Each structure stands twice: as C-alpha cells, then as structure tokens.
Full PDB file with SEQRES, HELIX, SHEET, SSBOND, CRYST1, ORIGX, SCALE, CONECT and MASTER records, all heavy atoms in Angstrom:
SEQRES   1 A   32  THR LEU ASP CYS GLY THR CYS ASN PHE GLY GLY ASP GLU          
SEQRES   2 A   32  ILE PHE VAL ASN THR GLU ASN THR ILE ILE GLU PHE ALA          
SEQRES   3 A   32  GLU LYS MET ASN ALA ARG                                      
HELIX    1 AA1 GLU A   19  ALA A   31  1                                  13    
SHEET    1 AA1 2 CYS A   7  GLY A  10  0                                        
SHEET    2 AA1 2 GLU A  13  PHE A  15 -1                                        
CRYST1    1.000    1.000    1.000  90.00  90.00  90.00 P 1           1          
ORIGX1      1.000000  0.000000  0.000000        0.00000                         
ORIGX2      0.000000  1.000000  0.000000        0.00000                         
ORIGX3      0.000000  0.000000  1.000000        0.00000                         
SCALE1      1.000000  0.000000  0.000000        0.00000                         
SCALE2      0.000000  1.000000  0.000000        0.00000                         
SCALE3      0.000000  0.000000  1.000000        0.00000                         
ATOM      1  N   THR A   1     135.365 -51.114-176.296  1.00  0.00           N  
ATOM      2  CA  THR A   1     135.157 -52.509-176.014  1.00  0.00           C  
ATOM      3  C   THR A   1     135.737 -53.392-177.145  1.00  0.00           C  
ATOM      4  O   THR A   1     135.757 -52.960-178.295  1.00  0.00           O  
ATOM      5  CB  THR A   1     133.649 -52.872-175.878  1.00  0.00           C  
ATOM      6  OG1 THR A   1     132.924 -52.419-177.008  1.00  0.00           O  
ATOM      7  CG2 THR A   1     133.056 -52.142-174.656  1.00  0.00           C  
ATOM      8  N   LEU A   2     136.162 -54.558-176.752  1.00  0.00           N  
ATOM      9  CA  LEU A   2     136.690 -55.596-177.716  1.00  0.00           C  
ATOM     10  C   LEU A   2     136.040 -56.886-177.380  1.00  0.00           C  
ATOM     11  O   LEU A   2     136.432 -57.539-176.394  1.00  0.00           O  
ATOM     12  CB  LEU A   2     138.248 -55.630-177.613  1.00  0.00           C  
ATOM     13  CG  LEU A   2     138.886 -56.768-178.458  1.00  0.00           C  
ATOM     14  CD1 LEU A   2     138.690 -56.460-179.929  1.00  0.00           C  
ATOM     15  CD2 LEU A   2     140.410 -56.801-178.124  1.00  0.00           C  
ATOM     16  N   ASP A   3     135.096 -57.301-178.195  1.00  0.00           N  
ATOM     17  CA  ASP A   3     134.380 -58.530-177.952  1.00  0.00           C  
ATOM     18  C   ASP A   3     135.222 -59.711-178.461  1.00  0.00           C  
ATOM     19  O   ASP A   3     135.677 -59.661-179.620  1.00  0.00           O  
ATOM     20  CB  ASP A   3     133.024 -58.541-178.710  1.00  0.00           C  
ATOM     21  CG  ASP A   3     132.038 -57.503-178.097  1.00  0.00           C  
ATOM     22  OD1 ASP A   3     131.512 -57.803-177.034  1.00  0.00           O  
ATOM     23  OD2 ASP A   3     131.992 -56.399-178.694  1.00  0.00           O  
ATOM     24  N   CYS A   4     135.409 -60.701-177.622  1.00  0.00           N  
ATOM     25  CA  CYS A   4     136.352 -61.744-177.914  1.00  0.00           C  
ATOM     26  C   CYS A   4     135.751 -63.124-178.250  1.00  0.00           C  
ATOM     27  O   CYS A   4     136.350 -64.151-178.010  1.00  0.00           O  
ATOM     28  CB  CYS A   4     137.383 -61.924-176.848  1.00  0.00           C  
ATOM     29  SG  CYS A   4     138.697 -60.664-177.006  1.00  0.00           S  
ATOM     30  N   GLY A   5     134.529 -63.099-178.876  1.00  0.00           N  
ATOM     31  CA  GLY A   5     133.966 -64.371-179.312  1.00  0.00           C  
ATOM     32  C   GLY A   5     132.580 -64.151-179.854  1.00  0.00           C  
ATOM     33  O   GLY A   5     132.005 -63.093-179.728  1.00  0.00           O  
ATOM     34  N   THR A   6     132.043 -65.247-180.446  1.00  0.00           N  
ATOM     35  CA  THR A   6     130.702 -65.187-181.028  1.00  0.00           C  
ATOM     36  C   THR A   6     129.744 -65.829-180.080  1.00  0.00           C  
ATOM     37  O   THR A   6     130.101 -66.684-179.241  1.00  0.00           O  
ATOM     38  CB  THR A   6     130.715 -66.061-182.322  1.00  0.00           C  
ATOM     39  OG1 THR A   6     131.522 -65.384-183.317  1.00  0.00           O  
ATOM     40  CG2 THR A   6     129.339 -66.202-182.904  1.00  0.00           C  
ATOM     41  N   CYS A   7     128.524 -65.266-180.064  1.00  0.00           N  
ATOM     42  CA  CYS A   7     127.466 -65.733-179.055  1.00  0.00           C  
ATOM     43  C   CYS A   7     126.114 -65.709-179.665  1.00  0.00           C  
ATOM     44  O   CYS A   7     125.735 -64.880-180.500  1.00  0.00           O  
ATOM     45  CB  CYS A   7     127.503 -64.740-177.881  1.00  0.00           C  
ATOM     46  SG  CYS A   7     126.645 -65.332-176.433  1.00  0.00           S  
ATOM     47  N   ASN A   8     125.337 -66.806-179.345  1.00  0.00           N  
ATOM     48  CA  ASN A   8     123.968 -66.849-179.750  1.00  0.00           C  
ATOM     49  C   ASN A   8     123.090 -66.013-178.755  1.00  0.00           C  
ATOM     50  O   ASN A   8     123.062 -66.303-177.606  1.00  0.00           O  
ATOM     51  CB  ASN A   8     123.471 -68.279-179.647  1.00  0.00           C  
ATOM     52  CG  ASN A   8     124.012 -69.237-180.731  1.00  0.00           C  
ATOM     53  OD1 ASN A   8     124.283 -68.764-181.885  1.00  0.00           O  
ATOM     54  ND2 ASN A   8     124.331 -70.392-180.329  1.00  0.00           N  
ATOM     55  N   PHE A   9     122.470 -65.015-179.344  1.00  0.00           N  
ATOM     56  CA  PHE A   9     121.735 -64.047-178.480  1.00  0.00           C  
ATOM     57  C   PHE A   9     120.287 -64.398-178.363  1.00  0.00           C  
ATOM     58  O   PHE A   9     119.464 -63.686-177.738  1.00  0.00           O  
ATOM     59  CB  PHE A   9     121.923 -62.622-179.040  1.00  0.00           C  
ATOM     60  CG  PHE A   9     123.133 -61.932-178.427  1.00  0.00           C  
ATOM     61  CD1 PHE A   9     123.446 -60.645-178.912  1.00  0.00           C  
ATOM     62  CD2 PHE A   9     123.899 -62.478-177.488  1.00  0.00           C  
ATOM     63  CE1 PHE A   9     124.525 -59.953-178.448  1.00  0.00           C  
ATOM     64  CE2 PHE A   9     125.056 -61.824-177.019  1.00  0.00           C  
ATOM     65  CZ  PHE A   9     125.351 -60.527-177.478  1.00  0.00           C  
ATOM     66  N   GLY A  10     119.833 -65.511-179.002  1.00  0.00           N  
ATOM     67  CA  GLY A  10     118.446 -65.906-178.957  1.00  0.00           C  
ATOM     68  C   GLY A  10     117.815 -65.888-180.306  1.00  0.00           C  
ATOM     69  O   GLY A  10     118.098 -65.072-181.182  1.00  0.00           O  
ATOM     70  N   GLY A  11     116.916 -66.868-180.527  1.00  0.00           N  
ATOM     71  CA  GLY A  11     116.260 -66.992-181.902  1.00  0.00           C  
ATOM     72  C   GLY A  11     117.355 -67.117-182.944  1.00  0.00           C  
ATOM     73  O   GLY A  11     118.199 -68.037-182.865  1.00  0.00           O  
ATOM     74  N   ASP A  12     117.248 -66.283-183.933  1.00  0.00           N  
ATOM     75  CA  ASP A  12     118.222 -66.335-185.043  1.00  0.00           C  
ATOM     76  C   ASP A  12     119.323 -65.316-184.909  1.00  0.00           C  
ATOM     77  O   ASP A  12     120.135 -65.075-185.829  1.00  0.00           O  
ATOM     78  CB  ASP A  12     117.501 -66.122-186.444  1.00  0.00           C  
ATOM     79  CG  ASP A  12     116.605 -67.293-186.798  1.00  0.00           C  
ATOM     80  OD1 ASP A  12     117.015 -68.457-186.473  1.00  0.00           O  
ATOM     81  OD2 ASP A  12     115.476 -67.062-187.357  1.00  0.00           O  
ATOM     82  N   GLU A  13     119.392 -64.583-183.746  1.00  0.00           N  
ATOM     83  CA  GLU A  13     120.341 -63.511-183.569  1.00  0.00           C  
ATOM     84  C   GLU A  13     121.716 -64.093-183.140  1.00  0.00           C  
ATOM     85  O   GLU A  13     121.772 -64.763-182.038  1.00  0.00           O  
ATOM     86  CB  GLU A  13     119.833 -62.509-182.555  1.00  0.00           C  
ATOM     87  CG  GLU A  13     118.705 -61.638-183.103  1.00  0.00           C  
ATOM     88  CD  GLU A  13     118.536 -60.385-182.245  1.00  0.00           C  
ATOM     89  OE1 GLU A  13     119.132 -60.294-181.206  1.00  0.00           O  
ATOM     90  OE2 GLU A  13     117.814 -59.501-182.729  1.00  0.00           O  
ATOM     91  N   ILE A  14     122.695 -63.926-183.969  1.00  0.00           N  
ATOM     92  CA  ILE A  14     124.018 -64.406-183.608  1.00  0.00           C  
ATOM     93  C   ILE A  14     125.000 -63.162-183.644  1.00  0.00           C  
ATOM     94  O   ILE A  14     125.044 -62.445-184.644  1.00  0.00           O  
ATOM     95  CB  ILE A  14     124.614 -65.404-184.609  1.00  0.00           C  
ATOM     96  CG1 ILE A  14     123.604 -66.606-184.717  1.00  0.00           C  
ATOM     97  CG2 ILE A  14     126.009 -65.870-184.271  1.00  0.00           C  
ATOM     98  CD1 ILE A  14     124.015 -67.629-185.729  1.00  0.00           C  
ATOM     99  N   PHE A  15     125.667 -62.911-182.497  1.00  0.00           N  
ATOM    100  CA  PHE A  15     126.618 -61.788-182.404  1.00  0.00           C  
ATOM    101  C   PHE A  15     127.961 -62.360-182.845  1.00  0.00           C  
ATOM    102  O   PHE A  15     128.608 -63.129-182.101  1.00  0.00           O  
ATOM    103  CB  PHE A  15     126.618 -61.303-180.990  1.00  0.00           C  
ATOM    104  CG  PHE A  15     127.589 -60.194-180.737  1.00  0.00           C  
ATOM    105  CD1 PHE A  15     127.689 -59.143-181.674  1.00  0.00           C  
ATOM    106  CD2 PHE A  15     128.314 -60.113-179.596  1.00  0.00           C  
ATOM    107  CE1 PHE A  15     128.582 -58.047-181.430  1.00  0.00           C  
ATOM    108  CE2 PHE A  15     129.195 -59.015-179.345  1.00  0.00           C  
ATOM    109  CZ  PHE A  15     129.321 -57.994-180.313  1.00  0.00           C  
ATOM    110  N   VAL A  16     128.370 -62.027-184.030  1.00  0.00           N  
ATOM    111  CA  VAL A  16     129.555 -62.634-184.691  1.00  0.00           C  
ATOM    112  C   VAL A  16     130.815 -61.857-184.424  1.00  0.00           C  
ATOM    113  O   VAL A  16     130.881 -60.657-184.763  1.00  0.00           O  
ATOM    114  CB  VAL A  16     129.264 -62.820-186.243  1.00  0.00           C  
ATOM    115  CG1 VAL A  16     130.500 -63.438-186.897  1.00  0.00           C  
ATOM    116  CG2 VAL A  16     128.054 -63.680-186.417  1.00  0.00           C  
ATOM    117  N   ASN A  17     131.802 -62.596-183.915  1.00  0.00           N  
ATOM    118  CA  ASN A  17     133.176 -62.035-183.750  1.00  0.00           C  
ATOM    119  C   ASN A  17     134.176 -63.167-184.042  1.00  0.00           C  
ATOM    120  O   ASN A  17     134.504 -63.946-183.154  1.00  0.00           O  
ATOM    121  CB  ASN A  17     133.333 -61.551-182.329  1.00  0.00           C  
ATOM    122  CG  ASN A  17     132.479 -60.328-182.000  1.00  0.00           C  
ATOM    123  OD1 ASN A  17     132.822 -59.220-182.400  1.00  0.00           O  
ATOM    124  ND2 ASN A  17     131.435 -60.517-181.271  1.00  0.00           N  
ATOM    125  N   THR A  18     134.556 -63.220-185.324  1.00  0.00           N  
ATOM    126  CA  THR A  18     135.508 -64.229-185.669  1.00  0.00           C  
ATOM    127  C   THR A  18     136.934 -63.892-185.167  1.00  0.00           C  
ATOM    128  O   THR A  18     137.135 -62.743-184.697  1.00  0.00           O  
ATOM    129  CB  THR A  18     135.605 -64.395-187.194  1.00  0.00           C  
ATOM    130  OG1 THR A  18     136.205 -63.186-187.709  1.00  0.00           O  
ATOM    131  CG2 THR A  18     134.266 -64.622-187.815  1.00  0.00           C  
ATOM    132  N   GLU A  19     137.780 -64.807-185.195  1.00  0.00           N  
ATOM    133  CA  GLU A  19     139.188 -64.498-184.706  1.00  0.00           C  
ATOM    134  C   GLU A  19     139.759 -63.381-185.553  1.00  0.00           C  
ATOM    135  O   GLU A  19     140.421 -62.483-184.953  1.00  0.00           O  
ATOM    136  CB  GLU A  19     140.040 -65.742-184.865  1.00  0.00           C  
ATOM    137  CG  GLU A  19     141.493 -65.477-184.320  1.00  0.00           C  
ATOM    138  CD  GLU A  19     142.370 -66.754-184.344  1.00  0.00           C  
ATOM    139  OE1 GLU A  19     142.162 -67.655-185.225  1.00  0.00           O  
ATOM    140  OE2 GLU A  19     143.249 -66.844-183.494  1.00  0.00           O  
ATOM    141  N   ASN A  20     139.541 -63.304-186.865  1.00  0.00           N  
ATOM    142  CA  ASN A  20     140.044 -62.308-187.626  1.00  0.00           C  
ATOM    143  C   ASN A  20     139.447 -60.918-187.289  1.00  0.00           C  
ATOM    144  O   ASN A  20     140.086 -59.906-187.390  1.00  0.00           O  
ATOM    145  CB  ASN A  20     139.870 -62.566-189.151  1.00  0.00           C  
ATOM    146  CG  ASN A  20     140.873 -63.662-189.668  1.00  0.00           C  
ATOM    147  OD1 ASN A  20     141.878 -63.913-189.011  1.00  0.00           O  
ATOM    148  ND2 ASN A  20     140.506 -64.299-190.777  1.00  0.00           N  
ATOM    149  N   THR A  21     138.167 -60.955-187.000  1.00  0.00           N  
ATOM    150  CA  THR A  21     137.496 -59.688-186.503  1.00  0.00           C  
ATOM    151  C   THR A  21     138.164 -59.154-185.231  1.00  0.00           C  
ATOM    152  O   THR A  21     138.443 -57.944-185.137  1.00  0.00           O  
ATOM    153  CB  THR A  21     136.022 -59.980-186.261  1.00  0.00           C  
ATOM    154  OG1 THR A  21     135.357 -60.195-187.581  1.00  0.00           O  
ATOM    155  CG2 THR A  21     135.337 -58.759-185.609  1.00  0.00           C  
ATOM    156  N   ILE A  22     138.368 -60.102-184.313  1.00  0.00           N  
ATOM    157  CA  ILE A  22     139.001 -59.625-182.997  1.00  0.00           C  
ATOM    158  C   ILE A  22     140.352 -59.085-183.291  1.00  0.00           C  
ATOM    159  O   ILE A  22     140.711 -58.013-182.715  1.00  0.00           O  
ATOM    160  CB  ILE A  22     139.032 -60.806-182.052  1.00  0.00           C  
ATOM    161  CG1 ILE A  22     137.626 -61.392-181.798  1.00  0.00           C  
ATOM    162  CG2 ILE A  22     139.702 -60.443-180.714  1.00  0.00           C  
ATOM    163  CD1 ILE A  22     137.636 -62.788-181.208  1.00  0.00           C  
ATOM    164  N   ILE A  23     141.148 -59.694-184.115  1.00  0.00           N  
ATOM    165  CA  ILE A  23     142.457 -59.212-184.393  1.00  0.00           C  
ATOM    166  C   ILE A  23     142.398 -57.864-185.112  1.00  0.00           C  
ATOM    167  O   ILE A  23     143.170 -56.932-184.713  1.00  0.00           O  
ATOM    168  CB  ILE A  23     143.253 -60.207-185.292  1.00  0.00           C  
ATOM    169  CG1 ILE A  23     143.563 -61.476-184.442  1.00  0.00           C  
ATOM    170  CG2 ILE A  23     144.522 -59.619-185.924  1.00  0.00           C  
ATOM    171  CD1 ILE A  23     144.125 -62.617-185.316  1.00  0.00           C  
ATOM    172  N   GLU A  24     141.538 -57.683-186.064  1.00  0.00           N  
ATOM    173  CA  GLU A  24     141.400 -56.394-186.742  1.00  0.00           C  
ATOM    174  C   GLU A  24     141.058 -55.294-185.785  1.00  0.00           C  
ATOM    175  O   GLU A  24     141.597 -54.252-185.775  1.00  0.00           O  
ATOM    176  CB  GLU A  24     140.281 -56.557-187.805  1.00  0.00           C  
ATOM    177  CG  GLU A  24     139.995 -55.213-188.498  1.00  0.00           C  
ATOM    178  CD  GLU A  24     138.782 -55.258-189.417  1.00  0.00           C  
ATOM    179  OE1 GLU A  24     138.105 -56.263-189.525  1.00  0.00           O  
ATOM    180  OE2 GLU A  24     138.476 -54.167-190.060  1.00  0.00           O  
ATOM    181  N   PHE A  25     140.055 -55.589-184.922  1.00  0.00           N  
ATOM    182  CA  PHE A  25     139.592 -54.546-183.928  1.00  0.00           C  
ATOM    183  C   PHE A  25     140.740 -54.206-183.050  1.00  0.00           C  
ATOM    184  O   PHE A  25     141.061 -53.057-182.709  1.00  0.00           O  
ATOM    185  CB  PHE A  25     138.433 -55.020-183.164  1.00  0.00           C  
ATOM    186  CG  PHE A  25     137.140 -54.932-183.886  1.00  0.00           C  
ATOM    187  CD1 PHE A  25     136.969 -55.189-185.230  1.00  0.00           C  
ATOM    188  CD2 PHE A  25     135.910 -54.584-183.104  1.00  0.00           C  
ATOM    189  CE1 PHE A  25     135.765 -55.062-185.896  1.00  0.00           C  
ATOM    190  CE2 PHE A  25     134.753 -54.505-183.830  1.00  0.00           C  
ATOM    191  CZ  PHE A  25     134.666 -54.708-185.162  1.00  0.00           C  
ATOM    192  N   ALA A  26     141.474 -55.295-182.511  1.00  0.00           N  
ATOM    193  CA  ALA A  26     142.579 -55.031-181.569  1.00  0.00           C  
ATOM    194  C   ALA A  26     143.682 -54.163-182.237  1.00  0.00           C  
ATOM    195  O   ALA A  26     144.249 -53.248-181.646  1.00  0.00           O  
ATOM    196  CB  ALA A  26     143.137 -56.355-181.103  1.00  0.00           C  
ATOM    197  N   GLU A  27     144.049 -54.482-183.443  1.00  0.00           N  
ATOM    198  CA  GLU A  27     145.126 -53.829-184.123  1.00  0.00           C  
ATOM    199  C   GLU A  27     144.766 -52.343-184.339  1.00  0.00           C  
ATOM    200  O   GLU A  27     145.576 -51.423-184.228  1.00  0.00           O  
ATOM    201  CB  GLU A  27     145.441 -54.467-185.492  1.00  0.00           C  
ATOM    202  CG  GLU A  27     146.152 -55.839-185.323  1.00  0.00           C  
ATOM    203  CD  GLU A  27     146.492 -56.399-186.681  1.00  0.00           C  
ATOM    204  OE1 GLU A  27     145.711 -56.335-187.643  1.00  0.00           O  
ATOM    205  OE2 GLU A  27     147.596 -57.065-186.780  1.00  0.00           O  
ATOM    206  N   LYS A  28     143.471 -52.030-184.725  1.00  0.00           N  
ATOM    207  CA  LYS A  28     143.089 -50.692-184.964  1.00  0.00           C  
ATOM    208  C   LYS A  28     143.005 -49.898-183.680  1.00  0.00           C  
ATOM    209  O   LYS A  28     143.304 -48.621-183.680  1.00  0.00           O  
ATOM    210  CB  LYS A  28     141.752 -50.722-185.693  1.00  0.00           C  
ATOM    211  CG  LYS A  28     141.946 -51.143-187.155  1.00  0.00           C  
ATOM    212  CD  LYS A  28     140.717 -51.051-187.965  1.00  0.00           C  
ATOM    213  CE  LYS A  28     140.970 -51.443-189.439  1.00  0.00           C  
ATOM    214  NZ  LYS A  28     139.848 -51.451-190.307  1.00  0.00           N  
ATOM    215  N   MET A  29     142.662 -50.513-182.581  1.00  0.00           N  
ATOM    216  CA  MET A  29     142.663 -49.860-181.254  1.00  0.00           C  
ATOM    217  C   MET A  29     144.154 -49.571-180.856  1.00  0.00           C  
ATOM    218  O   MET A  29     144.416 -48.504-180.379  1.00  0.00           O  
ATOM    219  CB  MET A  29     141.989 -50.668-180.259  1.00  0.00           C  
ATOM    220  CG  MET A  29     140.475 -50.771-180.393  1.00  0.00           C  
ATOM    221  SD  MET A  29     139.713 -51.723-179.041  1.00  0.00           S  
ATOM    222  CE  MET A  29     138.108 -52.120-179.770  1.00  0.00           C  
ATOM    223  N   ASN A  30     145.024 -50.556-181.008  1.00  0.00           N  
ATOM    224  CA  ASN A  30     146.378 -50.370-180.680  1.00  0.00           C  
ATOM    225  C   ASN A  30     147.024 -49.201-181.411  1.00  0.00           C  
ATOM    226  O   ASN A  30     147.798 -48.383-180.883  1.00  0.00           O  
ATOM    227  CB  ASN A  30     147.192 -51.638-181.034  1.00  0.00           C  
ATOM    228  CG  ASN A  30     146.953 -52.756-180.097  1.00  0.00           C  
ATOM    229  OD1 ASN A  30     146.423 -52.599-178.996  1.00  0.00           O  
ATOM    230  ND2 ASN A  30     147.136 -53.986-180.554  1.00  0.00           N  
ATOM    231  N   ALA A  31     146.703 -49.086-182.705  1.00  0.00           N  
ATOM    232  CA  ALA A  31     147.238 -48.035-183.553  1.00  0.00           C  
ATOM    233  C   ALA A  31     146.922 -46.600-183.066  1.00  0.00           C  
ATOM    234  O   ALA A  31     147.574 -45.657-183.263  1.00  0.00           O  
ATOM    235  CB  ALA A  31     146.822 -48.206-185.012  1.00  0.00           C  
ATOM    236  N   ARG A  32     145.743 -46.517-182.369  1.00  0.00           N  
ATOM    237  CA  ARG A  32     145.221 -45.291-181.856  1.00  0.00           C  
ATOM    238  C   ARG A  32     145.522 -45.138-180.364  1.00  0.00           C  
ATOM    239  O   ARG A  32     145.067 -44.086-179.787  1.00  0.00           O  
ATOM    240  CB  ARG A  32     143.798 -45.156-182.144  1.00  0.00           C  
ATOM    241  CG  ARG A  32     143.417 -44.961-183.613  1.00  0.00           C  
ATOM    242  CD  ARG A  32     141.947 -44.903-183.913  1.00  0.00           C  
ATOM    243  NE  ARG A  32     141.711 -44.672-185.322  1.00  0.00           N  
ATOM    244  CZ  ARG A  32     141.581 -43.468-185.889  1.00  0.00           C  
ATOM    245  NH1 ARG A  32     141.752 -42.360-185.145  1.00  0.00           N  
ATOM    246  NH2 ARG A  32     141.291 -43.318-187.200  1.00  0.00           N  
TER     247      ARG A  32                                                      
MASTER        0    0    0    1    2    0    0    6  246    1    0    3          
END                                                                             
C-alpha cells in the first residue's frame, strides 16, 4: 500500500503522510 495523504483519525490521532513521505515510499517500492 501507498498512502497518499494525511488524515485525522479521531481525537488526537493523525495519520501522517507528507509529500516527502509519499515520494520516499514510492521510490523504494519502484526500486524493488
């Protein structure tokens, strides 16, 4: 999976996916 954004999951829980995180994950998946 490749999550493409940040989302408030309720209360103080934030699922963080910055643009740089998305790029990093995509590049590492591409390499493999």
